Amino acid sequence: MIDIGKYNDLIVKSRAAIGLYLHDGDESVLLPARYVPADSKIGDVLNVFVYLDNENRPVATTLKPHATLGDFAFLTVKDVTSHGAFLDWGIAKDIFVAYQEQRAEMQIGKKYLVHLFMDDFSGRIAATSKWGKYIDKLNDDLNEGDEVNLLIAEETDAGFKAIIDNRYEGLIYHNEIFQPMKVGDVKKGFIKFIREDGKIDLTLQKQGFKNVLDTKDMILQKLKEHQGVLGLGDKSSPEEITEALHISKKVFKKTIGNLFKDRLITVRDYEIRLVDQEGE
C-alpha cells in the first residue's frame, strides 16, 4: 500500500508522455515528467514523496517536502484567505491551515510551528498550529541520560519548550543554556529528568563524568587552536566562560581541574596553558 504523506520506495512500472507510473505491487501513482530522473528506466526503484494533488489524486514527486505526515515543523505562510492560511511545503502544493486550527491568526511571511495530520473531513493532509494536542503523553520508552533530537518550539519564562524525537515535549531551563538558542533551532540534547507527572527536563550537555570527558577534549582542541593558551582561568567570570566555550563555570572548573591533575595544563587566575607551552 502506498503511504500518502510519506516517502515510498516504488518500482518504475511504465513510461508515458506525462511521466512515469510507479507501483508497489498493488497500487500505481504518477511521477510527473518534470520530476523524472534523467537516467531512470523500467524496473528501477525510486524513493519519492506521495501526496494528494488539488483534485485529491495521489501524485509522486522527487522534491523534498519540509515535513511529512505526523511531523512537527516550522513552515512559512505564503498566502492567507477567508478560510485559512497556505504554508510553503517545499513541493508544488502548499499545505493548508484552517482558521480553527490556528493558535493565533497567521500572517504572510511569518513562520509557525505546525503539526501535519490527515484531515478526516477532507481526506487531505493538513496542518495545525495547535500542535500540543498531538504530543504523546506517555513516554515509557525514554530514560534519563538518553540522547534525543530536539526542535526548539517556543520560549517561556522558565526556558525553551522543545519537541523531543518528533513525539514528546520537554523543557530546557534558561539557567542551563550555555549556547545561542532561538525558536526553530534543531539540536541534540539529553533527557535530564523525568518527573512523576511525566514532564521532562532536558539538557544540552551530557551529565556527569561523560560530560567532563567530552569537555576535556573540547578545551584541549581550543588550546591547540590558540597556540596552547586560553585567556580563561579560575577567576574568569561565568559570562566570559559561557561566551567562549558554551559551558558553565562549574563544568569549566571541574574540567580544567582534571586536566591539571593529568599534567596537561597549568592554571592561573585568568589563563590556562598547555604544559608544553609553559615558559614560551
Protein backbone atom coordinates (compact mmCIF):
# COMPACT_ATOMS: atom_id res chain seq x y z
CA MET A 1 0.00 0.00 0.00
CA ILE A 2 1.32 3.43 -0.96
CA ASP A 3 1.59 5.74 2.06
CA ILE A 4 0.18 9.21 1.41
CA GLY A 5 2.21 11.97 3.02
CA LYS A 6 5.27 9.76 3.35
CA TYR A 7 8.31 8.67 1.35
CA ASN A 8 7.82 5.45 -0.61
CA ASP A 9 10.22 3.17 -2.46
CA LEU A 10 8.33 2.41 -5.67
CA ILE A 11 9.17 0.48 -8.82
CA VAL A 12 9.03 2.12 -12.26
CA LYS A 13 6.23 0.21 -14.00
CA SER A 14 5.78 2.09 -17.28
CA ARG A 15 6.64 5.30 -19.09
CA ALA A 16 4.19 7.79 -20.66
CA ALA A 17 4.41 11.26 -22.17
CA ILE A 18 3.26 12.79 -18.87
CA GLY A 19 5.78 10.91 -16.75
CA LEU A 20 6.41 7.56 -15.11
CA TYR A 21 3.91 5.24 -13.48
CA LEU A 22 5.29 3.80 -10.27
CA HIS A 23 3.86 0.92 -8.26
CA ASP A 24 4.35 -1.05 -5.07
CA GLY A 25 2.86 -4.29 -6.35
CA ASP A 26 -0.74 -3.31 -5.61
CA GLU A 27 -1.18 0.39 -6.44
CA SER A 28 0.22 2.80 -9.03
CA VAL A 29 0.94 6.51 -8.88
CA LEU A 30 2.14 9.05 -11.45
CA LEU A 31 5.53 10.72 -11.19
CA PRO A 32 5.13 13.80 -13.47
CA ALA A 33 7.71 14.20 -16.23
CA ARG A 34 9.35 17.27 -14.67
CA TYR A 35 10.40 15.16 -11.66
CA VAL A 36 11.63 12.11 -13.56
CA PRO A 37 15.38 11.42 -13.06
CA ALA A 38 17.19 11.53 -16.40
CA ASP A 39 18.65 8.01 -16.14
CA SER A 40 15.53 6.23 -14.82
CA LYS A 41 14.32 3.08 -16.56
CA ILE A 42 11.66 0.40 -16.21
CA GLY A 43 12.29 -1.73 -13.13
CA ASP A 44 14.20 0.94 -11.19
CA VAL A 45 13.26 1.63 -7.60
CA LEU A 46 12.73 5.33 -6.86
CA ASN A 47 12.32 6.97 -3.47
CA VAL A 48 9.51 9.50 -3.87
CA PHE A 49 7.17 11.54 -1.71
CA VAL A 50 3.48 10.87 -2.38
CA TYR A 51 0.73 13.42 -1.68
CA LEU A 52 -2.74 14.34 -2.96
CA ASP A 53 -2.99 16.97 -5.70
CA ASN A 54 -5.72 19.65 -5.90
CA GLU A 55 -8.12 17.09 -7.33
CA ASN A 56 -7.42 14.66 -4.47
CA ARG A 57 -5.44 12.29 -6.69
CA PRO A 58 -2.23 10.67 -5.42
CA VAL A 59 0.85 12.04 -7.15
CA ALA A 60 4.56 11.44 -6.59
CA THR A 61 7.46 13.89 -6.51
CA THR A 62 11.21 13.71 -6.11
CA LEU A 63 11.13 17.12 -4.39
CA LYS A 64 11.75 17.03 -0.65
CA PRO A 65 8.91 18.48 1.45
CA HIS A 66 9.77 20.46 4.57
CA ALA A 67 7.77 17.95 6.62
CA THR A 68 5.90 14.67 6.21
CA LEU A 69 2.69 13.37 7.74
CA GLY A 70 2.99 13.29 11.53
CA ASP A 71 5.92 15.72 11.67
CA PHE A 72 6.29 18.91 13.70
CA ALA A 73 7.96 21.67 11.67
CA PHE A 74 8.27 25.41 11.25
CA LEU A 75 6.71 26.47 7.94
CA THR A 76 6.32 29.88 6.29
CA VAL A 77 2.93 31.37 5.38
CA LYS A 78 2.64 32.08 1.64
CA ASP A 79 -0.97 33.22 1.45
CA VAL A 80 -3.98 33.96 3.66
CA THR A 81 -7.62 33.59 2.56
CA SER A 82 -11.01 33.88 4.21
CA HIS A 83 -10.81 30.17 5.08
CA GLY A 84 -7.29 29.92 6.44
CA ALA A 85 -3.60 30.08 5.53
CA PHE A 86 -1.42 28.29 2.98
CA LEU A 87 2.09 27.37 4.08
CA ASP A 88 5.17 26.63 1.96
CA TRP A 89 5.51 22.85 1.98
CA GLY A 90 8.61 22.73 -0.23
CA ILE A 91 6.78 20.97 -3.08
CA ALA A 92 4.38 22.04 -5.85
CA LYS A 93 1.47 22.03 -3.42
CA ASP A 94 1.13 24.28 -0.35
CA ILE A 95 -0.31 22.95 2.89
CA PHE A 96 -3.49 24.39 4.39
CA VAL A 97 -4.15 25.53 7.96
CA ALA A 98 -7.83 26.24 8.59
CA TYR A 99 -8.68 29.20 10.82
CA GLN A 100 -9.99 26.88 13.52
CA GLU A 101 -6.58 25.16 13.56
CA GLN A 102 -4.63 28.38 14.21
CA ARG A 103 -3.50 29.30 17.73
CA ALA A 104 -3.22 32.90 16.54
CA GLU A 105 -4.16 34.47 13.22
CA MET A 106 -1.38 33.69 10.76
CA GLN A 107 0.39 36.37 8.75
CA ILE A 108 2.09 36.16 5.34
CA GLY A 109 5.85 35.75 5.53
CA LYS A 110 5.96 34.54 9.14
CA LYS A 111 6.98 31.07 10.30
CA TYR A 112 4.83 28.97 12.62
CA LEU A 113 5.31 25.64 14.34
CA VAL A 114 2.72 23.23 12.94
CA HIS A 115 1.89 19.56 13.04
CA LEU A 116 0.90 17.71 9.86
CA PHE A 117 -2.14 15.44 10.17
CA MET A 118 -4.66 13.65 7.99
CA ASP A 119 -7.92 15.64 7.96
CA ASP A 120 -10.76 13.13 8.30
CA PHE A 121 -13.27 15.54 6.74
CA SER A 122 -11.41 16.34 3.51
CA GLY A 123 -9.21 13.25 3.36
CA ARG A 124 -6.21 15.52 2.74
CA ILE A 125 -3.07 16.25 4.68
CA ALA A 126 -3.46 19.49 6.60
CA ALA A 127 -1.56 21.37 9.28
CA THR A 128 -2.39 22.86 12.66
CA SER A 129 -0.55 25.31 14.88
CA LYS A 130 -2.45 23.84 17.84
CA TRP A 131 0.30 21.25 17.99
CA GLY A 132 0.03 20.49 21.71
CA LYS A 133 -2.82 18.03 21.18
CA TYR A 134 -0.51 15.85 19.09
CA ILE A 135 2.17 15.49 21.76
CA ASP A 136 2.44 11.95 23.15
CA LYS A 137 1.73 11.97 26.88
CA LEU A 138 3.20 8.55 27.62
CA ASN A 139 6.99 8.35 27.41
CA ASP A 140 7.76 4.84 28.65
CA ASP A 141 10.50 4.44 26.03
CA LEU A 142 12.54 7.41 27.33
CA ASN A 143 15.18 7.13 30.04
CA GLU A 144 17.24 9.70 31.88
CA GLY A 145 20.52 10.22 30.04
CA ASP A 146 19.12 9.29 26.61
CA GLU A 147 20.39 11.35 23.68
CA VAL A 148 17.45 12.83 21.75
CA ASN A 149 16.66 15.12 18.81
CA LEU A 150 15.13 18.46 19.76
CA LEU A 151 13.09 21.01 17.83
CA ILE A 152 13.00 24.25 19.83
CA ALA A 153 9.29 25.05 19.89
CA GLU A 154 8.77 28.21 21.94
CA GLU A 155 10.29 30.33 24.68
CA THR A 156 8.68 30.67 28.12
CA ASP A 157 9.62 32.50 31.31
CA ALA A 158 11.28 29.31 32.58
CA GLY A 159 13.14 28.31 29.42
CA PHE A 160 12.58 26.81 25.99
CA LYS A 161 9.97 24.18 25.21
CA ALA A 162 11.26 21.55 22.79
CA ILE A 163 9.70 18.74 20.76
CA ILE A 164 11.58 15.52 21.57
CA ASP A 165 12.12 12.99 18.76
CA ASN A 166 9.04 14.36 16.94
CA ARG A 167 6.81 12.91 19.71
CA TYR A 168 7.19 14.35 23.19
CA GLU A 169 7.59 17.73 24.86
CA GLY A 170 10.28 18.83 27.30
CA LEU A 171 11.81 21.96 28.79
CA ILE A 172 15.35 23.35 28.81
CA TYR A 173 15.71 25.86 31.67
CA HIS A 174 17.26 29.25 30.92
CA ASN A 175 19.95 28.81 33.58
CA GLU A 176 21.17 25.62 31.90
CA ILE A 177 21.63 27.08 28.41
CA PHE A 178 25.23 27.94 27.57
CA GLN A 179 24.98 28.43 23.82
CA PRO A 180 22.99 30.60 21.41
CA MET A 181 19.42 29.37 21.02
CA LYS A 182 16.29 30.52 19.28
CA VAL A 183 12.88 29.15 18.41
CA GLY A 184 13.09 26.90 15.35
CA ASP A 185 16.57 25.56 16.10
CA VAL A 186 17.21 21.83 15.76
CA LYS A 187 19.63 20.45 18.33
CA LYS A 188 20.90 17.32 20.02
CA GLY A 189 20.00 17.07 23.70
CA PHE A 190 19.69 14.69 26.62
CA ILE A 191 16.93 13.61 28.97
CA LYS A 192 17.92 15.09 32.34
CA PHE A 193 14.95 14.14 34.50
CA ILE A 194 11.51 12.59 34.03
CA ARG A 195 9.07 13.81 36.67
CA GLU A 196 6.35 11.73 38.33
CA ASP A 197 3.72 13.65 36.34
CA GLY A 198 5.51 12.71 33.09
CA LYS A 199 7.01 16.14 32.42
CA ILE A 200 10.54 16.04 31.03
CA ASP A 201 13.53 18.22 31.90
CA LEU A 202 16.11 18.50 29.14
CA THR A 203 19.75 19.49 28.93
CA LEU A 204 22.09 20.17 26.03
CA GLN A 205 25.07 18.67 27.86
CA LYS A 206 25.85 15.10 28.80
CA GLN A 207 25.60 14.58 32.52
CA GLY A 208 28.31 13.56 34.97
CA PHE A 209 31.68 12.11 34.07
CA LYS A 210 30.86 11.68 30.36
CA ASN A 211 30.35 15.41 30.09
CA VAL A 212 33.72 16.06 31.69
CA LEU A 213 35.41 13.73 29.20
CA ASP A 214 33.79 15.45 26.22
CA THR A 215 34.60 18.90 27.63
CA LYS A 216 38.24 17.91 28.21
CA ASP A 217 38.62 17.09 24.53
CA MET A 218 36.91 20.34 23.55
CA ILE A 219 39.15 22.51 25.77
CA LEU A 220 42.30 20.73 24.59
CA GLN A 221 41.25 21.35 20.99
CA LYS A 222 40.60 25.03 21.76
CA LEU A 223 44.04 25.32 23.33
CA LYS A 224 45.68 23.81 20.24
CA GLU A 225 43.76 26.24 18.01
CA HIS A 226 45.08 29.17 20.10
CA GLN A 227 48.76 28.24 20.23
CA GLY A 228 48.35 26.47 23.57
CA VAL A 229 46.94 29.39 25.55
CA LEU A 230 43.39 30.45 26.50
CA GLY A 231 42.57 33.65 28.35
CA LEU A 232 40.27 31.90 30.81
CA GLY A 233 41.11 30.74 34.30
CA ASP A 234 39.90 30.15 37.86
CA LYS A 235 38.74 33.74 38.32
CA SER A 236 37.22 34.33 34.89
CA SER A 237 33.56 35.30 35.05
CA PRO A 238 30.79 32.79 34.24
CA GLU A 239 29.72 35.06 31.36
CA GLU A 240 33.20 35.01 29.77
CA ILE A 241 33.39 31.22 30.03
CA THR A 242 29.90 30.69 28.62
CA GLU A 243 30.51 33.07 25.71
CA ALA A 244 33.83 31.45 24.78
CA LEU A 245 33.11 27.76 25.41
CA HIS A 246 29.31 27.39 25.78
CA ILE A 247 29.66 25.63 29.13
CA SER A 248 29.02 26.67 32.73
CA LYS A 249 31.80 27.88 35.03
CA LYS A 250 31.13 24.83 37.23
CA VAL A 251 31.82 22.43 34.36
CA PHE A 252 34.80 24.53 33.25
CA LYS A 253 36.46 24.43 36.67
CA LYS A 254 35.84 20.70 37.08
CA THR A 255 37.29 20.01 33.64
CA ILE A 256 40.43 22.15 33.98
CA GLY A 257 40.94 20.58 37.41
CA ASN A 258 41.06 17.16 35.75
CA LEU A 259 43.37 18.43 33.01
CA PHE A 260 45.64 19.91 35.66
CA LYS A 261 45.73 16.60 37.58
CA ASP A 262 46.63 14.85 34.32
CA ARG A 263 49.53 17.35 34.00
CA LEU A 264 48.25 18.52 30.63
CA ILE A 265 47.77 22.18 31.53
CA THR A 266 48.78 24.84 34.01
CA VAL A 267 46.10 27.05 35.54
CA ARG A 268 46.29 30.70 36.51
CA ASP A 269 43.63 33.18 37.63
CA TYR A 270 42.82 34.30 34.08
CA GLU A 271 44.69 31.83 31.88
CA ILE A 272 45.17 28.16 31.14
CA ARG A 273 48.14 26.90 29.15
CA LEU A 274 49.24 23.59 27.68
CA VAL A 275 52.19 22.21 29.64
CA ASP A 276 54.43 22.08 26.56
CA GLN A 277 53.70 25.79 26.04
CA GLU A 278 54.72 26.75 29.57
CA GLY A 279 57.61 29.15 29.66
CA GLU A 280 57.37 30.12 25.99
